[in-house]
Amino acid sequence: MSHTGHNENEHEHHQHHHAPVALTHINRAFIIGITLNFVFVIVEVIAGLFIHSLSLLSDAGHNLADVGTLALSLLAYRLLKVKATERYTYGYRKTSILVALFNAVVLLVSIGAIAYEAFHRFMNPEPLPGTTIAIVAGVGIVINAFTAFLFLKDKEKDINIKSAYLHLLSDALVSFGLVIAGIIIHYTNWYWLDPVFSIIIAIVIVLGTWSLMRHSLRLSLDGVPPEINLQKIKEAALKTEGVLDIHHLHVWAISTTQNALTAHIIVDKKTTMAQIQVIKDHLKHELEHQNIQHTTLEPEIADENCEENC
């Protein structure tokens, strides 16, 4: 039996519980986050330069990077809505993955400068007004915690949203640490705490960003998305009546919210075309519940030697 052509339905996107988050809701959250964090960056830079606080300037650099990443993430979401073309048959959905990877790399690179300057400042600590550090950092807690809350509900639906949430939450925790450092400096004059907390900020950035970079790099290389279990896919296929085996199985991410699958399913030579279509429709429906939105299945007769001829 010759291979059947691909049915148009196989590439239809189905709106299940794994569907992309509503753009209007995310658009508002990103714009609020970008605006508030950019204003806070300006406040931190002015205060940091005025009192010569490396920890405030380091945190300002981190927050500025976050503003850029939030803007890029918003751009990626907008590109999700751009229709496919003859040159880009999936549209620009993959930009959401590339943006997540770029954001992670930018944040990791930023820690080098922070650590370098912190080392020199630790060797030559400068007098600092701890009260000012604590007040500015307190403002940061409020801004970052509020902005992180905007992404809380949808953080598990997309790595870009989760990235924004984790960055903002870590920023709030860092700001809390700076409040503590500012209070201690005010009462003890331990000025070396400023560069020490700069190092702590750098460590927080690494811990919060490393897994994101691994995840986004994996998706950009068309690796199997972490939430996809190939063994479960095979089990679902073999439980489908009429499917003898499945091979040439490939799963990759089209975007941070949508996944695609291609595979060969082996059927008995007595299986009719109508039965094959029923098998394919059933299996595609089952895979939708495993977060596979785009499925292409190629039927193959049991006696065919596909390993040599496909």
Protein backbone atom coordinates (compact mmCIF):
# COMPACT_ATOMS: atom_id res chain seq x y z
CA MET A 1 0.00 0.00 0.00
CA SER A 2 1.34 3.42 -0.85
CA HIS A 3 1.57 6.11 1.80
CA THR A 4 -1.47 8.30 2.07
CA GLY A 5 -1.21 12.04 1.71
CA HIS A 6 -1.41 14.35 4.70
CA ASN A 7 -4.85 15.40 5.71
CA GLU A 8 -5.49 19.11 6.20
CA ASN A 9 -6.89 18.35 9.61
CA GLU A 10 -3.52 17.06 10.76
CA HIS A 11 -2.13 20.57 10.98
CA GLU A 12 -5.18 22.18 12.50
CA HIS A 13 -4.55 23.82 15.85
CA HIS A 14 -6.94 22.63 18.54
CA GLN A 15 -7.85 24.90 21.42
CA HIS A 16 -7.54 22.69 24.51
CA HIS A 17 -6.33 23.57 27.96
CA HIS A 18 -2.79 23.95 26.61
CA ALA A 19 -3.77 26.80 24.29
CA PRO A 20 -1.67 29.99 24.27
CA VAL A 21 -2.48 32.60 26.87
CA ALA A 22 -4.76 35.43 25.74
CA LEU A 23 -2.60 38.14 24.19
CA THR A 24 -4.61 41.05 25.63
CA HIS A 25 -4.07 39.87 29.20
CA ILE A 26 -0.36 39.25 28.72
CA ASN A 27 0.07 42.47 26.74
CA ARG A 28 -1.24 44.50 29.70
CA ALA A 29 0.94 42.62 32.20
CA PHE A 30 4.07 43.12 30.12
CA ILE A 31 3.44 46.82 29.54
CA ILE A 32 2.85 47.44 33.26
CA GLY A 33 5.98 45.44 34.11
CA ILE A 34 8.12 47.25 31.54
CA THR A 35 6.96 50.70 32.66
CA LEU A 36 7.32 50.15 36.41
CA ASN A 37 10.70 48.44 36.12
CA PHE A 38 12.11 51.10 33.80
CA VAL A 39 11.09 53.84 36.24
CA PHE A 40 12.72 51.86 39.06
CA VAL A 41 15.92 51.46 37.01
CA ILE A 42 16.17 55.24 36.71
CA VAL A 43 15.65 55.62 40.47
CA GLU A 44 18.33 53.01 41.21
CA VAL A 45 20.85 54.52 38.82
CA ILE A 46 20.39 58.03 40.25
CA ALA A 47 20.61 56.79 43.84
CA GLY A 48 23.50 54.44 43.08
CA LEU A 49 25.57 57.13 41.39
CA PHE A 50 24.77 59.67 44.09
CA ILE A 51 25.84 57.46 47.00
CA HIS A 52 28.38 55.32 45.03
CA SER A 53 26.57 52.06 45.81
CA LEU A 54 27.69 49.17 43.62
CA SER A 55 24.87 46.94 44.82
CA LEU A 56 22.24 49.46 43.67
CA LEU A 57 24.00 49.97 40.33
CA SER A 58 24.35 46.21 39.87
CA ASP A 59 20.69 45.69 40.61
CA ALA A 60 19.83 48.56 38.24
CA GLY A 61 21.78 46.82 35.48
CA HIS A 62 19.95 43.58 36.21
CA ASN A 63 16.59 45.34 36.19
CA LEU A 64 17.43 47.12 32.94
CA ALA A 65 18.18 43.74 31.38
CA ASP A 66 14.81 42.56 32.69
CA VAL A 67 13.10 45.53 31.03
CA GLY A 68 14.72 44.50 27.74
CA THR A 69 13.72 40.87 28.19
CA LEU A 70 10.13 41.82 29.01
CA ALA A 71 10.00 43.95 25.86
CA LEU A 72 11.40 41.12 23.73
CA SER A 73 8.97 38.64 25.25
CA LEU A 74 6.08 40.95 24.42
CA LEU A 75 7.39 41.26 20.85
CA ALA A 76 7.55 37.47 20.59
CA TYR A 77 3.92 37.21 21.70
CA ARG A 78 2.86 39.70 19.08
CA LEU A 79 4.72 37.72 16.42
CA LEU A 80 2.73 34.62 17.44
CA LYS A 81 -0.26 36.32 15.80
CA VAL A 82 1.50 36.90 12.48
CA LYS A 83 0.12 34.57 9.81
CA ALA A 84 2.24 31.94 8.11
CA THR A 85 3.75 32.69 4.72
CA GLU A 86 5.26 30.63 1.91
CA ARG A 87 8.72 31.27 3.34
CA TYR A 88 7.73 30.87 7.00
CA THR A 89 5.13 28.12 6.98
CA TYR A 90 4.89 28.11 10.78
CA GLY A 91 4.81 31.90 10.93
CA TYR A 92 7.14 33.51 13.47
CA ARG A 93 6.17 31.36 16.44
CA LYS A 94 9.71 30.18 17.08
CA THR A 95 10.77 33.74 17.95
CA SER A 96 9.29 33.11 21.41
CA ILE A 97 11.89 30.36 21.92
CA LEU A 98 14.76 32.42 20.52
CA VAL A 99 13.79 35.38 22.71
CA ALA A 100 13.78 33.18 25.81
CA LEU A 101 17.26 31.91 24.89
CA PHE A 102 18.55 35.43 24.19
CA ASN A 103 17.14 36.71 27.48
CA ALA A 104 18.87 33.95 29.42
CA VAL A 105 22.23 34.59 27.72
CA VAL A 106 22.02 38.35 28.35
CA LEU A 107 21.34 37.81 32.05
CA LEU A 108 24.19 35.33 32.43
CA VAL A 109 26.65 37.66 30.67
CA SER A 110 25.65 40.52 32.98
CA ILE A 111 26.91 38.70 36.06
CA GLY A 112 30.51 38.84 34.82
CA ALA A 113 30.64 42.62 35.06
CA ILE A 114 28.90 42.58 38.43
CA ALA A 115 31.33 40.04 39.91
CA TYR A 116 34.38 41.84 38.51
CA GLU A 117 33.44 45.22 39.95
CA ALA A 118 32.32 43.68 43.24
CA PHE A 119 35.75 42.11 43.77
CA HIS A 120 37.50 45.47 43.38
CA ARG A 121 34.97 47.24 45.59
CA PHE A 122 35.34 44.56 48.26
CA MET A 123 39.08 45.24 48.40
CA ASN A 124 38.42 48.99 48.66
CA PRO A 125 35.03 49.54 50.35
CA GLU A 126 33.58 53.05 50.31
CA PRO A 127 31.38 54.71 52.97
CA LEU A 128 27.70 54.38 52.06
CA PRO A 129 24.41 55.66 53.52
CA GLY A 130 22.68 52.43 54.46
CA THR A 131 19.32 54.13 54.94
CA THR A 132 19.21 55.27 51.31
CA ILE A 133 20.05 51.75 50.09
CA ALA A 134 17.28 50.29 52.24
CA ILE A 135 14.66 52.82 51.08
CA VAL A 136 15.43 52.37 47.37
CA ALA A 137 15.48 48.59 47.73
CA GLY A 138 12.15 48.74 49.59
CA VAL A 139 10.60 50.44 46.57
CA GLY A 140 12.03 47.61 44.47
CA ILE A 141 10.30 45.00 46.62
CA VAL A 142 6.91 46.59 46.02
CA ILE A 143 7.41 47.07 42.26
CA ASN A 144 8.87 43.64 41.53
CA ALA A 145 6.46 41.73 43.76
CA PHE A 146 3.45 43.47 42.20
CA THR A 147 4.70 42.88 38.65
CA ALA A 148 5.50 39.22 39.39
CA PHE A 149 1.94 38.81 40.69
CA LEU A 150 0.62 39.86 37.26
CA PHE A 151 2.27 36.76 35.74
CA LEU A 152 1.50 34.34 38.60
CA LYS A 153 -1.66 32.82 37.10
CA ASP A 154 -0.14 32.01 33.70
CA LYS A 155 3.45 31.19 34.67
CA GLU A 156 3.13 27.44 33.97
CA LYS A 157 1.66 27.93 30.50
CA ASP A 158 4.71 29.38 28.74
CA ILE A 159 8.44 29.60 29.48
CA ASN A 160 8.49 33.28 28.52
CA ILE A 161 5.88 34.03 31.17
CA LYS A 162 7.65 31.79 33.65
CA SER A 163 10.91 33.56 32.82
CA ALA A 164 9.36 36.95 33.51
CA TYR A 165 7.77 35.69 36.74
CA LEU A 166 11.00 34.13 38.06
CA HIS A 167 13.09 37.18 37.17
CA LEU A 168 10.69 39.58 38.86
CA LEU A 169 10.29 37.36 41.92
CA SER A 170 14.06 36.99 42.26
CA ASP A 171 14.41 40.76 41.91
CA ALA A 172 11.97 41.22 44.80
CA LEU A 173 14.02 38.80 46.92
CA VAL A 174 17.26 40.58 45.98
CA SER A 175 15.69 43.92 46.92
CA PHE A 176 14.70 42.40 50.26
CA GLY A 177 18.33 41.38 50.75
CA LEU A 178 19.47 44.92 49.96
CA VAL A 179 17.06 46.30 52.55
CA ILE A 180 18.68 44.05 55.16
CA ALA A 181 22.16 45.07 53.97
CA GLY A 182 21.23 48.76 54.08
CA ILE A 183 19.95 48.47 57.64
CA ILE A 184 23.08 46.60 58.77
CA ILE A 185 25.35 49.17 57.08
CA HIS A 186 23.43 52.01 58.77
CA TYR A 187 24.03 50.58 62.24
CA THR A 188 27.45 48.93 61.84
CA ASN A 189 29.24 50.81 59.03
CA TRP A 190 30.17 47.46 57.49
CA TYR A 191 30.57 48.95 54.02
CA TRP A 192 31.98 45.72 52.62
CA LEU A 193 28.42 44.35 52.68
CA ASP A 194 27.64 46.37 49.54
CA PRO A 195 29.95 44.36 47.21
CA VAL A 196 29.05 41.15 49.07
CA PHE A 197 25.38 41.64 48.22
CA SER A 198 26.42 42.40 44.63
CA ILE A 199 27.87 38.88 44.51
CA ILE A 200 24.67 37.52 46.04
CA ILE A 201 22.71 39.27 43.29
CA ALA A 202 24.95 37.63 40.69
CA ILE A 203 24.38 34.20 42.24
CA VAL A 204 20.62 34.74 42.27
CA ILE A 205 20.74 35.65 38.56
CA VAL A 206 22.66 32.46 37.76
CA LEU A 207 20.34 30.21 39.76
CA GLY A 208 17.24 31.78 38.27
CA THR A 209 18.49 31.80 34.71
CA TRP A 210 20.46 28.59 34.21
CA SER A 211 17.47 26.27 33.91
CA LEU A 212 15.74 28.76 31.62
CA MET A 213 18.76 28.82 29.30
CA ARG A 214 18.94 25.01 29.19
CA HIS A 215 15.22 24.80 28.46
CA SER A 216 15.21 27.43 25.72
CA LEU A 217 18.42 26.04 24.15
CA ARG A 218 16.85 22.58 24.06
CA LEU A 219 13.76 23.93 22.28
CA SER A 220 15.77 26.04 19.83
CA LEU A 221 17.67 22.88 18.80
CA ASP A 222 14.33 21.10 18.19
CA GLY A 223 14.84 18.86 21.19
CA VAL A 224 11.87 17.11 22.74
CA PRO A 225 10.12 19.64 25.03
CA PRO A 226 10.63 18.76 28.72
CA GLU A 227 6.92 18.24 29.38
CA ILE A 228 6.65 15.66 26.58
CA ASN A 229 7.13 11.98 27.46
CA LEU A 230 7.95 9.89 24.37
CA GLN A 231 7.19 6.67 26.21
CA LYS A 232 3.66 7.85 26.99
CA ILE A 233 3.18 8.79 23.33
CA LYS A 234 4.24 5.30 22.26
CA GLU A 235 1.93 3.74 24.84
CA ALA A 236 -1.00 5.84 23.61
CA ALA A 237 -0.28 4.74 20.04
CA LEU A 238 -0.03 1.05 20.90
CA LYS A 239 -3.28 1.22 22.89
CA THR A 240 -5.05 2.53 19.81
CA GLU A 241 -6.96 -0.27 18.13
CA GLY A 242 -5.41 -1.14 14.76
CA VAL A 243 -1.90 0.23 15.51
CA LEU A 244 0.72 -2.52 15.57
CA ASP A 245 3.74 -0.29 16.17
CA ILE A 246 5.02 3.28 15.88
CA HIS A 247 8.45 4.50 14.81
CA HIS A 248 10.24 7.44 13.15
CA LEU A 249 8.81 9.44 16.04
CA HIS A 250 9.84 13.12 16.15
CA VAL A 251 8.56 15.79 18.52
CA TRP A 252 9.66 19.42 18.57
CA ALA A 253 8.47 22.83 19.74
CA ILE A 254 6.95 25.23 17.22
CA SER A 255 6.80 27.92 19.88
CA THR A 256 6.92 28.11 23.66
CA THR A 257 3.27 27.02 23.77
CA GLN A 258 2.81 24.69 20.77
CA ASN A 259 4.41 21.37 19.88
CA ALA A 260 4.44 19.26 16.73
CA LEU A 261 4.84 15.54 16.08
CA THR A 262 5.50 13.34 13.07
CA ALA A 263 5.53 9.54 13.16
CA HIS A 264 4.96 6.37 11.15
CA ILE A 265 2.22 4.08 12.47
CA ILE A 266 2.26 0.44 11.38
CA VAL A 267 -1.12 -1.11 10.56
CA ASP A 268 -2.24 -4.49 9.33
CA LYS A 269 -2.39 -4.93 5.54
CA LYS A 270 -6.13 -5.62 5.78
CA THR A 271 -6.79 -2.18 7.28
CA THR A 272 -8.94 -0.05 5.00
CA MET A 273 -8.44 3.64 4.23
CA ALA A 274 -11.50 4.52 6.30
CA GLN A 275 -10.15 2.57 9.27
CA ILE A 276 -6.77 4.28 8.93
CA GLN A 277 -8.46 7.65 9.07
CA VAL A 278 -10.33 6.64 12.23
CA ILE A 279 -7.05 5.50 13.80
CA LYS A 280 -5.33 8.76 12.92
CA ASP A 281 -8.17 10.92 14.21
CA HIS A 282 -8.32 8.99 17.49
CA LEU A 283 -4.58 9.13 18.06
CA LYS A 284 -4.38 12.85 17.25
CA HIS A 285 -7.10 13.51 19.80
CA GLU A 286 -5.23 11.49 22.43
CA LEU A 287 -2.00 13.39 21.72
CA GLU A 288 -3.72 16.74 22.17
CA HIS A 289 -4.02 15.82 25.86
CA GLN A 290 -0.25 15.33 25.92
CA ASN A 291 0.30 18.90 24.67
CA ILE A 292 0.82 17.94 21.01
CA GLN A 293 -1.17 20.41 18.91
CA HIS A 294 0.14 19.56 15.42
CA THR A 295 0.29 15.88 14.53
CA THR A 296 1.24 14.28 11.21
CA LEU A 297 0.89 10.49 11.04
CA GLU A 298 2.11 8.38 8.14
CA PRO A 299 0.43 4.94 7.89
CA GLU A 300 2.65 2.01 6.95
CA ILE A 301 1.78 -1.59 6.03
CA ALA A 302 3.15 -4.19 8.45
CA ASP A 303 5.05 -6.03 5.68
CA GLU A 304 6.78 -2.91 4.35
CA ASN A 305 10.48 -2.51 5.16
CA CYS A 306 10.31 1.15 5.99
CA GLU A 307 13.71 1.18 7.69
CA GLU A 308 15.32 0.71 4.28
CA ASN A 309 12.87 2.46 1.98
CA CYS A 310 11.69 5.50 4.00
